[in-house]
Amino acid sequence: MVVTLRWMIASYFVASMILVAQSPVLAQPVAGDPASGRKIATTLCSSCHRVLPMTLPDKGDPLSFQSIADQPSTTGISMNVFLHSNHNNMPDFILSSAEANDLIAYILSLKKP
């Protein structure tokens, strides 16, 4: 009985995760303004990162926004999690939800097709 209950809970968890991963809401682009995001990036991030679009490969650390955008793992969700997490080598910027969405929209706009 206990094994069956655990199996059922695990099955429901896996099924719910599959549904969440396939949700059209999560697949939608970030509702932000890339132009505003570029201004935020220039103001807050350009002292450490190259924030403008690049044509040559990135060789620096920290990575340029272009290199970040071009990583296969970079999505609106991953960027949102990153911006709301603490990082040892980054200042703790406090961004409103709108500012974070604008910054994410800008970074995603750099992604090469």
PDB file of N, CA and C in Angstrom:
ATOM      1  N   MET A   1       0.826  -1.192   0.000  1.00  0.00           N
ATOM      2  CA  MET A   1       0.000   0.000   0.000  1.00  0.00           C
ATOM      3  C   MET A   1       0.870   1.254   0.000  1.00  0.00           C
ATOM      4  N   VAL A   2       1.933   1.308   0.839  1.00  0.00           N
ATOM      5  CA  VAL A   2       2.803   2.472   0.922  1.00  0.00           C
ATOM      6  C   VAL A   2       3.557   2.647  -0.386  1.00  0.00           C
ATOM      7  N   VAL A   3       4.048   1.550  -0.959  1.00  0.00           N
ATOM      8  CA  VAL A   3       4.770   1.622  -2.233  1.00  0.00           C
ATOM      9  C   VAL A   3       3.845   2.143  -3.323  1.00  0.00           C
ATOM     10  N   THR A   4       2.621   1.687  -3.349  1.00  0.00           N
ATOM     11  CA  THR A   4       1.658   2.128  -4.349  1.00  0.00           C
ATOM     12  C   THR A   4       1.352   3.613  -4.187  1.00  0.00           C
ATOM     13  N   LEU A   5       1.185   4.075  -2.975  1.00  0.00           N
ATOM     14  CA  LEU A   5       0.910   5.484  -2.719  1.00  0.00           C
ATOM     15  C   LEU A   5       2.093   6.348  -3.149  1.00  0.00           C
ATOM     16  N   ARG A   6       3.309   5.919  -2.809  1.00  0.00           N
ATOM     17  CA  ARG A   6       4.498   6.661  -3.236  1.00  0.00           C
ATOM     18  C   ARG A   6       4.600   6.697  -4.753  1.00  0.00           C
ATOM     19  N   TRP A   7       4.304   5.579  -5.394  1.00  0.00           N
ATOM     20  CA  TRP A   7       4.363   5.522  -6.852  1.00  0.00           C
ATOM     21  C   TRP A   7       3.334   6.474  -7.461  1.00  0.00           C
ATOM     22  N   MET A   8       2.137   6.508  -6.881  1.00  0.00           N
ATOM     23  CA  MET A   8       1.086   7.394  -7.395  1.00  0.00           C
ATOM     24  C   MET A   8       1.500   8.860  -7.236  1.00  0.00           C
ATOM     25  N   ILE A   9       2.070   9.213  -6.092  1.00  0.00           N
ATOM     26  CA  ILE A   9       2.497  10.595  -5.863  1.00  0.00           C
ATOM     27  C   ILE A   9       3.598  10.964  -6.843  1.00  0.00           C
ATOM     28  N   ALA A  10       4.552  10.060  -7.013  1.00  0.00           N
ATOM     29  CA  ALA A  10       5.635  10.320  -7.968  1.00  0.00           C
ATOM     30  C   ALA A  10       5.092  10.458  -9.380  1.00  0.00           C
ATOM     31  N   SER A  11       4.142   9.619  -9.748  1.00  0.00           N
ATOM     32  CA  SER A  11       3.546   9.687 -11.089  1.00  0.00           C
ATOM     33  C   SER A  11       2.818  11.010 -11.301  1.00  0.00           C
ATOM     34  N   TYR A  12       2.072  11.452 -10.303  1.00  0.00           N
ATOM     35  CA  TYR A  12       1.375  12.733 -10.416  1.00  0.00           C
ATOM     36  C   TYR A  12       2.365  13.890 -10.527  1.00  0.00           C
ATOM     37  N   PHE A  13       3.454  13.805  -9.762  1.00  0.00           N
ATOM     38  CA  PHE A  13       4.478  14.845  -9.820  1.00  0.00           C
ATOM     39  C   PHE A  13       5.089  14.914 -11.216  1.00  0.00           C
ATOM     40  N   VAL A  14       5.478  13.776 -11.769  1.00  0.00           N
ATOM     41  CA  VAL A  14       6.078  13.737 -13.111  1.00  0.00           C
ATOM     42  C   VAL A  14       5.084  14.249 -14.147  1.00  0.00           C
ATOM     43  N   ALA A  15       3.846  13.823 -14.061  1.00  0.00           N
ATOM     44  CA  ALA A  15       2.835  14.271 -15.020  1.00  0.00           C
ATOM     45  C   ALA A  15       2.613  15.777 -14.928  1.00  0.00           C
ATOM     46  N   SER A  16       2.585  16.305 -13.709  1.00  0.00           N
ATOM     47  CA  SER A  16       2.379  17.749 -13.572  1.00  0.00           C
ATOM     48  C   SER A  16       3.566  18.526 -14.106  1.00  0.00           C
ATOM     49  N   MET A  17       4.784  18.011 -13.914  1.00  0.00           N
ATOM     50  CA  MET A  17       5.964  18.687 -14.447  1.00  0.00           C
ATOM     51  C   MET A  17       5.958  18.691 -15.972  1.00  0.00           C
ATOM     52  N   ILE A  18       5.506  17.613 -16.567  1.00  0.00           N
ATOM     53  CA  ILE A  18       5.409  17.561 -18.031  1.00  0.00           C
ATOM     54  C   ILE A  18       4.392  18.584 -18.521  1.00  0.00           C
ATOM     55  N   LEU A  19       3.271  18.682 -17.848  1.00  0.00           N
ATOM     56  CA  LEU A  19       2.255  19.662 -18.245  1.00  0.00           C
ATOM     57  C   LEU A  19       2.773  21.083 -18.103  1.00  0.00           C
ATOM     58  N   VAL A  20       3.476  21.367 -17.018  1.00  0.00           N
ATOM     59  CA  VAL A  20       4.020  22.707 -16.810  1.00  0.00           C
ATOM     60  C   VAL A  20       5.050  23.020 -17.884  1.00  0.00           C
ATOM     61  N   ALA A  21       5.908  22.062 -18.206  1.00  0.00           N
ATOM     62  CA  ALA A  21       6.952  22.291 -19.203  1.00  0.00           C
ATOM     63  C   ALA A  21       6.373  22.543 -20.584  1.00  0.00           C
ATOM     64  N   GLN A  22       5.205  21.983 -20.863  1.00  0.00           N
ATOM     65  CA  GLN A  22       4.593  22.148 -22.172  1.00  0.00           C
ATOM     66  C   GLN A  22       3.566  23.270 -22.196  1.00  0.00           C
ATOM     67  N   SER A  23       3.429  23.977 -21.111  1.00  0.00           N
ATOM     68  CA  SER A  23       2.439  25.038 -21.011  1.00  0.00           C
ATOM     69  C   SER A  23       2.749  26.166 -21.985  1.00  0.00           C
ATOM     70  N   PRO A  24       1.761  26.595 -22.776  1.00  0.00           N
ATOM     71  CA  PRO A  24       1.998  27.698 -23.707  1.00  0.00           C
ATOM     72  C   PRO A  24       2.331  28.997 -22.995  1.00  0.00           C
ATOM     73  N   VAL A  25       1.889  29.161 -21.753  1.00  0.00           N
ATOM     74  CA  VAL A  25       2.196  30.377 -21.016  1.00  0.00           C
ATOM     75  C   VAL A  25       3.701  30.472 -20.796  1.00  0.00           C
ATOM     76  N   LEU A  26       4.347  29.364 -20.455  1.00  0.00           N
ATOM     77  CA  LEU A  26       5.779  29.377 -20.207  1.00  0.00           C
ATOM     78  C   LEU A  26       6.578  29.509 -21.492  1.00  0.00           C
ATOM     79  N   ALA A  27       5.997  29.136 -22.606  1.00  0.00           N
ATOM     80  CA  ALA A  27       6.709  29.198 -23.876  1.00  0.00           C
ATOM     81  C   ALA A  27       6.642  30.589 -24.507  1.00  0.00           C
ATOM     82  N   GLN A  28       5.782  31.451 -23.995  1.00  0.00           N
ATOM     83  CA  GLN A  28       5.625  32.774 -24.570  1.00  0.00           C
ATOM     84  C   GLN A  28       6.849  33.636 -24.287  1.00  0.00           C
ATOM     85  N   PRO A  29       7.152  34.570 -25.192  1.00  0.00           N
ATOM     86  CA  PRO A  29       8.281  35.465 -24.936  1.00  0.00           C
ATOM     87  C   PRO A  29       7.997  36.373 -23.744  1.00  0.00           C
ATOM     88  N   VAL A  30       9.058  36.890 -23.168  1.00  0.00           N
ATOM     89  CA  VAL A  30       8.928  37.793 -22.019  1.00  0.00           C
ATOM     90  C   VAL A  30       8.256  39.077 -22.479  1.00  0.00           C
ATOM     91  N   ALA A  31       7.312  39.550 -21.691  1.00  0.00           N
ATOM     92  CA  ALA A  31       6.613  40.783 -22.022  1.00  0.00           C
ATOM     93  C   ALA A  31       7.427  41.963 -21.502  1.00  0.00           C
ATOM     94  N   GLY A  32       8.440  42.329 -22.252  1.00  0.00           N
ATOM     95  CA  GLY A  32       9.286  43.442 -21.861  1.00  0.00           C
ATOM     96  C   GLY A  32       9.645  44.277 -23.066  1.00  0.00           C
ATOM     97  N   ASP A  33      10.206  45.431 -22.816  1.00  0.00           N
ATOM     98  CA  ASP A  33      10.604  46.355 -23.875  1.00  0.00           C
ATOM     99  C   ASP A  33      12.115  46.299 -24.046  1.00  0.00           C
ATOM    100  N   PRO A  34      12.598  45.712 -25.159  1.00  0.00           N
ATOM    101  CA  PRO A  34      14.043  45.595 -25.368  1.00  0.00           C
ATOM    102  C   PRO A  34      14.776  46.939 -25.367  1.00  0.00           C
ATOM    103  N   ALA A  35      14.156  47.986 -25.879  1.00  0.00           N
ATOM    104  CA  ALA A  35      14.811  49.303 -25.906  1.00  0.00           C
ATOM    105  C   ALA A  35      15.037  49.814 -24.484  1.00  0.00           C
ATOM    106  N   SER A  36      14.049  49.646 -23.627  1.00  0.00           N
ATOM    107  CA  SER A  36      14.200  50.034 -22.233  1.00  0.00           C
ATOM    108  C   SER A  36      15.231  49.135 -21.554  1.00  0.00           C
ATOM    109  N   GLY A  37      15.217  47.851 -21.894  1.00  0.00           N
ATOM    110  CA  GLY A  37      16.191  46.915 -21.344  1.00  0.00           C
ATOM    111  C   GLY A  37      17.614  47.275 -21.734  1.00  0.00           C
ATOM    112  N   ARG A  38      17.787  47.768 -22.946  1.00  0.00           N
ATOM    113  CA  ARG A  38      19.120  48.191 -23.386  1.00  0.00           C
ATOM    114  C   ARG A  38      19.613  49.373 -22.546  1.00  0.00           C
ATOM    115  N   LYS A  39      18.712  50.296 -22.240  1.00  0.00           N
ATOM    116  CA  LYS A  39      19.088  51.440 -21.392  1.00  0.00           C
ATOM    117  C   LYS A  39      19.477  50.973 -19.988  1.00  0.00           C
ATOM    118  N   ILE A  40      18.701  50.040 -19.452  1.00  0.00           N
ATOM    119  CA  ILE A  40      19.010  49.511 -18.123  1.00  0.00           C
ATOM    120  C   ILE A  40      20.363  48.806 -18.153  1.00  0.00           C
ATOM    121  N   ALA A  41      20.601  48.003 -19.187  1.00  0.00           N
ATOM    122  CA  ALA A  41      21.869  47.278 -19.315  1.00  0.00           C
ATOM    123  C   ALA A  41      23.037  48.239 -19.427  1.00  0.00           C
ATOM    124  N   THR A  42      22.869  49.287 -20.202  1.00  0.00           N
ATOM    125  CA  THR A  42      23.937  50.270 -20.374  1.00  0.00           C
ATOM    126  C   THR A  42      24.239  50.969 -19.051  1.00  0.00           C
ATOM    127  N   THR A  43      23.201  51.271 -18.303  1.00  0.00           N
ATOM    128  CA  THR A  43      23.374  51.979 -17.036  1.00  0.00           C
ATOM    129  C   THR A  43      23.933  51.081 -15.931  1.00  0.00           C
ATOM    130  N   LEU A  44      23.361  49.889 -15.772  1.00  0.00           N
ATOM    131  CA  LEU A  44      23.711  49.050 -14.620  1.00  0.00           C
ATOM    132  C   LEU A  44      24.785  47.997 -14.893  1.00  0.00           C
ATOM    133  N   CYS A  45      24.873  47.531 -16.123  1.00  0.00           N
ATOM    134  CA  CYS A  45      25.669  46.325 -16.380  1.00  0.00           C
ATOM    135  C   CYS A  45      26.941  46.563 -17.188  1.00  0.00           C
ATOM    136  N   SER A  46      27.020  47.711 -17.865  1.00  0.00           N
ATOM    137  CA  SER A  46      28.121  47.916 -18.813  1.00  0.00           C
ATOM    138  C   SER A  46      29.475  48.134 -18.154  1.00  0.00           C
ATOM    139  N   SER A  47      29.513  48.366 -16.849  1.00  0.00           N
ATOM    140  CA  SER A  47      30.815  48.512 -16.203  1.00  0.00           C
ATOM    141  C   SER A  47      31.549  47.170 -16.133  1.00  0.00           C
ATOM    142  N   CYS A  48      30.809  46.061 -16.227  1.00  0.00           N
ATOM    143  CA  CYS A  48      31.436  44.735 -16.196  1.00  0.00           C
ATOM    144  C   CYS A  48      31.211  43.931 -17.480  1.00  0.00           C
ATOM    145  N   HIS A  49      30.033  44.070 -18.088  1.00  0.00           N
ATOM    146  CA  HIS A  49      29.661  43.290 -19.266  1.00  0.00           C
ATOM    147  C   HIS A  49      29.666  44.155 -20.518  1.00  0.00           C
ATOM    148  N   ARG A  50      29.957  43.528 -21.648  1.00  0.00           N
ATOM    149  CA  ARG A  50      29.690  44.176 -22.928  1.00  0.00           C
ATOM    150  C   ARG A  50      28.212  43.956 -23.200  1.00  0.00           C
ATOM    151  N   VAL A  51      27.449  45.018 -23.276  1.00  0.00           N
ATOM    152  CA  VAL A  51      25.995  44.889 -23.370  1.00  0.00           C
ATOM    153  C   VAL A  51      25.459  45.113 -24.779  1.00  0.00           C
ATOM    154  N   LEU A  52      26.256  45.689 -25.644  1.00  0.00           N
ATOM    155  CA  LEU A  52      25.786  45.964 -27.002  1.00  0.00           C
ATOM    156  C   LEU A  52      26.002  44.743 -27.897  1.00  0.00           C
ATOM    157  N   PRO A  53      25.219  44.634 -28.978  1.00  0.00           N
ATOM    158  CA  PRO A  53      25.381  43.484 -29.876  1.00  0.00           C
ATOM    159  C   PRO A  53      26.807  43.392 -30.401  1.00  0.00           C
ATOM    160  N   MET A  54      27.265  42.158 -30.585  1.00  0.00           N
ATOM    161  CA  MET A  54      28.630  41.912 -31.039  1.00  0.00           C
ATOM    162  C   MET A  54      28.614  41.026 -32.279  1.00  0.00           C
ATOM    163  N   THR A  55      29.611  41.193 -33.121  1.00  0.00           N
ATOM    164  CA  THR A  55      29.755  40.315 -34.273  1.00  0.00           C
ATOM    165  C   THR A  55      30.923  39.353 -34.096  1.00  0.00           C
ATOM    166  N   LEU A  56      31.876  39.709 -33.257  1.00  0.00           N
ATOM    167  CA  LEU A  56      33.032  38.846 -33.014  1.00  0.00           C
ATOM    168  C   LEU A  56      32.787  37.981 -31.779  1.00  0.00           C
ATOM    169  N   PRO A  57      33.437  36.836 -31.695  1.00  0.00           N
ATOM    170  CA  PRO A  57      33.247  35.975 -30.524  1.00  0.00           C
ATOM    171  C   PRO A  57      33.721  36.646 -29.243  1.00  0.00           C
ATOM    172  N   ASP A  58      33.102  36.256 -28.165  1.00  0.00           N
ATOM    173  CA  ASP A  58      33.424  36.794 -26.849  1.00  0.00           C
ATOM    174  C   ASP A  58      34.651  36.082 -26.296  1.00  0.00           C
ATOM    175  N   LYS A  59      35.557  36.846 -25.711  1.00  0.00           N
ATOM    176  CA  LYS A  59      36.749  36.260 -25.097  1.00  0.00           C
ATOM    177  C   LYS A  59      36.875  36.637 -23.638  1.00  0.00           C
ATOM    178  N   GLY A  60      35.907  37.353 -23.116  1.00  0.00           N
ATOM    179  CA  GLY A  60      36.052  37.904 -21.782  1.00  0.00           C
ATOM    180  C   GLY A  60      35.279  37.178 -20.714  1.00  0.00           C
ATOM    181  N   ASP A  61      35.620  37.538 -19.508  1.00  0.00           N
ATOM    182  CA  ASP A  61      34.877  37.094 -18.351  1.00  0.00           C
ATOM    183  C   ASP A  61      34.724  38.317 -17.459  1.00  0.00           C
ATOM    184  N   PRO A  62      33.557  38.772 -17.185  1.00  0.00           N
ATOM    185  CA  PRO A  62      32.279  38.120 -17.409  1.00  0.00           C
ATOM    186  C   PRO A  62      31.870  38.130 -18.880  1.00  0.00           C
ATOM    187  N   LEU A  63      30.966  37.227 -19.193  1.00  0.00           N
ATOM    188  CA  LEU A  63      30.508  37.086 -20.567  1.00  0.00           C
ATOM    189  C   LEU A  63      29.770  38.333 -21.041  1.00  0.00           C
ATOM    190  N   SER A  64      29.843  38.554 -22.337  1.00  0.00           N
ATOM    191  CA  SER A  64      29.048  39.630 -22.936  1.00  0.00           C
ATOM    192  C   SER A  64      27.586  39.196 -22.959  1.00  0.00           C
ATOM    193  N   PHE A  65      26.708  40.165 -23.084  1.00  0.00           N
ATOM    194  CA  PHE A  65      25.289  39.839 -23.186  1.00  0.00           C
ATOM    195  C   PHE A  65      25.016  39.032 -24.446  1.00  0.00           C
ATOM    196  N   GLN A  66      25.778  39.269 -25.499  1.00  0.00           N
ATOM    197  CA  GLN A  66      25.623  38.501 -26.733  1.00  0.00           C
ATOM    198  C   GLN A  66      25.908  37.022 -26.466  1.00  0.00           C
ATOM    199  N   SER A  67      27.009  36.737 -25.777  1.00  0.00           N
ATOM    200  CA  SER A  67      27.364  35.350 -25.469  1.00  0.00           C
ATOM    201  C   SER A  67      26.335  34.703 -24.554  1.00  0.00           C
ATOM    202  N   ILE A  68      25.833  35.470 -23.608  1.00  0.00           N
ATOM    203  CA  ILE A  68      24.792  34.951 -22.719  1.00  0.00           C
ATOM    204  C   ILE A  68      23.544  34.619 -23.532  1.00  0.00           C
ATOM    205  N   ALA A  69      23.162  35.521 -24.409  1.00  0.00           N
ATOM    206  CA  ALA A  69      21.959  35.310 -25.225  1.00  0.00           C
ATOM    207  C   ALA A  69      22.098  34.088 -26.124  1.00  0.00           C
ATOM    208  N   ASP A  70      23.292  33.859 -26.642  1.00  0.00           N
ATOM    209  CA  ASP A  70      23.504  32.769 -27.602  1.00  0.00           C
ATOM    210  C   ASP A  70      23.632  31.398 -26.957  1.00  0.00           C
ATOM    211  N   GLN A  71      23.697  31.327 -25.641  1.00  0.00           N
ATOM    212  CA  GLN A  71      23.753  30.021 -24.989  1.00  0.00           C
ATOM    213  C   GLN A  71      22.408  29.313 -25.151  1.00  0.00           C
ATOM    214  N   PRO A  72      22.419  28.024 -25.482  1.00  0.00           N
ATOM    215  CA  PRO A  72      21.156  27.299 -25.657  1.00  0.00           C
ATOM    216  C   PRO A  72      20.273  27.304 -24.409  1.00  0.00           C
ATOM    217  N   SER A  73      20.888  27.420 -23.238  1.00  0.00           N
ATOM    218  CA  SER A  73      20.119  27.385 -21.991  1.00  0.00           C
ATOM    219  C   SER A  73      19.466  28.722 -21.652  1.00  0.00           C
ATOM    220  N   THR A  74      19.771  29.766 -22.417  1.00  0.00           N
ATOM    221  CA  THR A  74      19.219  31.081 -22.108  1.00  0.00           C
ATOM    222  C   THR A  74      17.789  31.193 -22.625  1.00  0.00           C
ATOM    223  N   THR A  75      16.869  31.314 -21.684  1.00  0.00           N
ATOM    224  CA  THR A  75      15.449  31.506 -21.982  1.00  0.00           C
ATOM    225  C   THR A  75      14.933  32.603 -21.061  1.00  0.00           C
ATOM    226  N   GLY A  76      13.721  33.018 -21.289  1.00  0.00           N
ATOM    227  CA  GLY A  76      13.114  34.000 -20.405  1.00  0.00           C
ATOM    228  C   GLY A  76      13.051  33.499 -18.974  1.00  0.00           C
ATOM    229  N   ILE A  77      12.728  32.231 -18.814  1.00  0.00           N
ATOM    230  CA  ILE A  77      12.621  31.658 -17.478  1.00  0.00           C
ATOM    231  C   ILE A  77      13.991  31.576 -16.816  1.00  0.00           C
ATOM    232  N   SER A  78      15.003  31.091 -17.558  1.00  0.00           N
ATOM    233  CA  SER A  78      16.336  30.961 -16.954  1.00  0.00           C
ATOM    234  C   SER A  78      16.907  32.330 -16.591  1.00  0.00           C
ATOM    235  N   MET A  79      16.647  33.333 -17.425  1.00  0.00           N
ATOM    236  CA  MET A  79      17.134  34.685 -17.127  1.00  0.00           C
ATOM    237  C   MET A  79      16.422  35.260 -15.906  1.00  0.00           C
ATOM    238  N   ASN A  80      15.138  35.001 -15.791  1.00  0.00           N
ATOM    239  CA  ASN A  80      14.370  35.496 -14.652  1.00  0.00           C
ATOM    240  C   ASN A  80      14.899  34.880 -13.353  1.00  0.00           C
ATOM    241  N   VAL A  81      15.160  33.577 -13.382  1.00  0.00           N
ATOM    242  CA  VAL A  81      15.718  32.910 -12.201  1.00  0.00           C
ATOM    243  C   VAL A  81      17.090  33.495 -11.884  1.00  0.00           C
ATOM    244  N   PHE A  82      17.917  33.676 -12.906  1.00  0.00           N
ATOM    245  CA  PHE A  82      19.262  34.212 -12.698  1.00  0.00           C
ATOM    246  C   PHE A  82      19.214  35.607 -12.074  1.00  0.00           C
ATOM    247  N   LEU A  83      18.355  36.468 -12.599  1.00  0.00           N
ATOM    248  CA  LEU A  83      18.295  37.843 -12.100  1.00  0.00           C
ATOM    249  C   LEU A  83      17.762  37.935 -10.680  1.00  0.00           C
ATOM    250  N   HIS A  84      17.054  36.914 -10.245  1.00  0.00           N
ATOM    251  CA  HIS A  84      16.504  36.933  -8.889  1.00  0.00           C
ATOM    252  C   HIS A  84      17.284  36.035  -7.939  1.00  0.00           C
ATOM    253  N   SER A  85      18.507  35.660  -8.319  1.00  0.00           N
ATOM    254  CA  SER A  85      19.372  34.836  -7.470  1.00  0.00           C
ATOM    255  C   SER A  85      20.599  35.648  -7.072  1.00  0.00           C
ATOM    256  N   ASN A  86      21.176  35.314  -5.949  1.00  0.00           N
ATOM    257  CA  ASN A  86      22.410  35.972  -5.511  1.00  0.00           C
ATOM    258  C   ASN A  86      23.601  35.365  -6.240  1.00  0.00           C
ATOM    259  N   HIS A  87      24.572  36.202  -6.559  1.00  0.00           N
ATOM    260  CA  HIS A  87      25.784  35.746  -7.233  1.00  0.00           C
ATOM    261  C   HIS A  87      26.988  36.388  -6.558  1.00  0.00           C
ATOM    262  N   ASN A  88      28.024  35.594  -6.378  1.00  0.00           N
ATOM    263  CA  ASN A  88      29.208  36.067  -5.663  1.00  0.00           C
ATOM    264  C   ASN A  88      29.893  37.237  -6.350  1.00  0.00           C
ATOM    265  N   ASN A  89      29.987  37.201  -7.656  1.00  0.00           N
ATOM    266  CA  ASN A  89      30.772  38.199  -8.375  1.00  0.00           C
ATOM    267  C   ASN A  89      29.935  39.319  -8.983  1.00  0.00           C
ATOM    268  N   MET A  90      28.679  39.410  -8.597  1.00  0.00           N
ATOM    269  CA  MET A  90      27.811  40.457  -9.138  1.00  0.00           C
ATOM    270  C   MET A  90      27.232  41.291  -8.010  1.00  0.00           C
ATOM    271  N   PRO A  91      27.077  42.590  -8.258  1.00  0.00           N
ATOM    272  CA  PRO A  91      26.372  43.405  -7.251  1.00  0.00           C
ATOM    273  C   PRO A  91      24.912  42.977  -7.171  1.00  0.00           C
ATOM    274  N   ASP A  92      24.300  43.196  -6.045  1.00  0.00           N
ATOM    275  CA  ASP A  92      22.887  42.869  -5.873  1.00  0.00           C
ATOM    276  C   ASP A  92      22.034  44.051  -6.324  1.00  0.00           C
ATOM    277  N   PHE A  93      21.666  44.032  -7.600  1.00  0.00           N
ATOM    278  CA  PHE A  93      20.788  45.062  -8.124  1.00  0.00           C
ATOM    279  C   PHE A  93      19.362  44.696  -7.762  1.00  0.00           C
ATOM    280  N   ILE A  94      18.595  45.683  -7.383  1.00  0.00           N
ATOM    281  CA  ILE A  94      17.185  45.466  -7.109  1.00  0.00           C
ATOM    282  C   ILE A  94      16.408  46.023  -8.293  1.00  0.00           C
ATOM    283  N   LEU A  95      15.843  45.120  -9.073  1.00  0.00           N
ATOM    284  CA  LEU A  95      15.084  45.496 -10.262  1.00  0.00           C
ATOM    285  C   LEU A  95      13.607  45.240 -10.011  1.00  0.00           C
ATOM    286  N   SER A  96      12.783  46.134 -10.497  1.00  0.00           N
ATOM    287  CA  SER A  96      11.347  45.878 -10.463  1.00  0.00           C
ATOM    288  C   SER A  96      11.052  44.758 -11.462  1.00  0.00           C
ATOM    289  N   SER A  97       9.868  44.198 -11.400  1.00  0.00           N
ATOM    290  CA  SER A  97       9.489  43.151 -12.353  1.00  0.00           C
ATOM    291  C   SER A  97       9.531  43.685 -13.781  1.00  0.00           C
ATOM    292  N   ALA A  98       9.080  44.913 -13.971  1.00  0.00           N
ATOM    293  CA  ALA A  98       9.077  45.512 -15.316  1.00  0.00           C
ATOM    294  C   ALA A  98      10.508  45.707 -15.817  1.00  0.00           C
ATOM    295  N   GLU A  99      11.395  46.178 -14.937  1.00  0.00           N
ATOM    296  CA  GLU A  99      12.794  46.369 -15.341  1.00  0.00           C
ATOM    297  C   GLU A  99      13.455  45.038 -15.675  1.00  0.00           C
ATOM    298  N   ALA A 100      13.200  44.026 -14.858  1.00  0.00           N
ATOM    299  CA  ALA A 100      13.760  42.701 -15.128  1.00  0.00           C
ATOM    300  C   ALA A 100      13.241  42.167 -16.459  1.00  0.00           C
ATOM    301  N   ASN A 101      11.944  42.325 -16.712  1.00  0.00           N
ATOM    302  CA  ASN A 101      11.379  41.868 -17.990  1.00  0.00           C
ATOM    303  C   ASN A 101      11.976  42.621 -19.169  1.00  0.00           C
ATOM    304  N   ASP A 102      12.201  43.924 -19.005  1.00  0.00           N
ATOM    305  CA  ASP A 102      12.820  44.712 -20.080  1.00  0.00           C
ATOM    306  C   ASP A 102      14.245  44.243 -20.339  1.00  0.00           C
ATOM    307  N   LEU A 103      15.000  44.018 -19.276  1.00  0.00           N
ATOM    308  CA  LEU A 103      16.377  43.552 -19.413  1.00  0.00           C
ATOM    309  C   LEU A 103      16.423  42.174 -20.064  1.00  0.00           C
ATOM    310  N   ILE A 104      15.544  41.290 -19.644  1.00  0.00           N
ATOM    311  CA  ILE A 104      15.470  39.956 -20.239  1.00  0.00           C
ATOM    312  C   ILE A 104      15.086  40.049 -21.714  1.00  0.00           C
ATOM    313  N   ALA A 105      14.106  40.893 -22.031  1.00  0.00           N
ATOM    314  CA  ALA A 105      13.691  41.061 -23.428  1.00  0.00           C
ATOM    315  C   ALA A 105      14.853  41.565 -24.276  1.00  0.00           C
ATOM    316  N   TYR A 106      15.659  42.471 -23.727  1.00  0.00           N
ATOM    317  CA  TYR A 106      16.816  42.968 -24.468  1.00  0.00           C
ATOM    318  C   TYR A 106      17.838  41.856 -24.702  1.00  0.00           C
ATOM    319  N   ILE A 107      18.172  41.122 -23.655  1.00  0.00           N
ATOM    320  CA  ILE A 107      19.161  40.048 -23.804  1.00  0.00           C
ATOM    321  C   ILE A 107      18.673  39.016 -24.808  1.00  0.00           C
ATOM    322  N   LEU A 108      17.396  38.630 -24.717  1.00  0.00           N
ATOM    323  CA  LEU A 108      16.868  37.652 -25.671  1.00  0.00           C
ATOM    324  C   LEU A 108      16.818  38.184 -27.093  1.00  0.00           C
ATOM    325  N   SER A 109      16.697  39.511 -27.252  1.00  0.00           N
ATOM    326  CA  SER A 109      16.675  40.090 -28.590  1.00  0.00           C
ATOM    327  C   SER A 109      18.041  39.961 -29.271  1.00  0.00           C
ATOM    328  N   LEU A 110      19.093  39.735 -28.488  1.00  0.00           N
ATOM    329  CA  LEU A 110      20.442  39.571 -29.040  1.00  0.00           C
ATOM    330  C   LEU A 110      20.691  38.165 -29.573  1.00  0.00           C
ATOM    331  N   LYS A 111      19.829  37.222 -29.204  1.00  0.00           N
ATOM    332  CA  LYS A 111      20.017  35.813 -29.584  1.00  0.00           C
ATOM    333  C   LYS A 111      20.047  35.679 -31.099  1.00  0.00           C
ATOM    334  N   LYS A 112      21.088  35.041 -31.591  1.00  0.00           N
ATOM    335  CA  LYS A 112      21.203  34.808 -33.033  1.00  0.00           C
ATOM    336  C   LYS A 112      20.291  33.657 -33.439  1.00  0.00           C
ATOM    337  N   PRO A 113      19.644  33.776 -34.601  1.00  0.00           N
ATOM    338  CA  PRO A 113      18.714  32.710 -35.032  1.00  0.00           C
ATOM    339  C   PRO A 113      19.429  31.407 -35.326  1.00  0.00           C
TER     340      PRO A 113
END
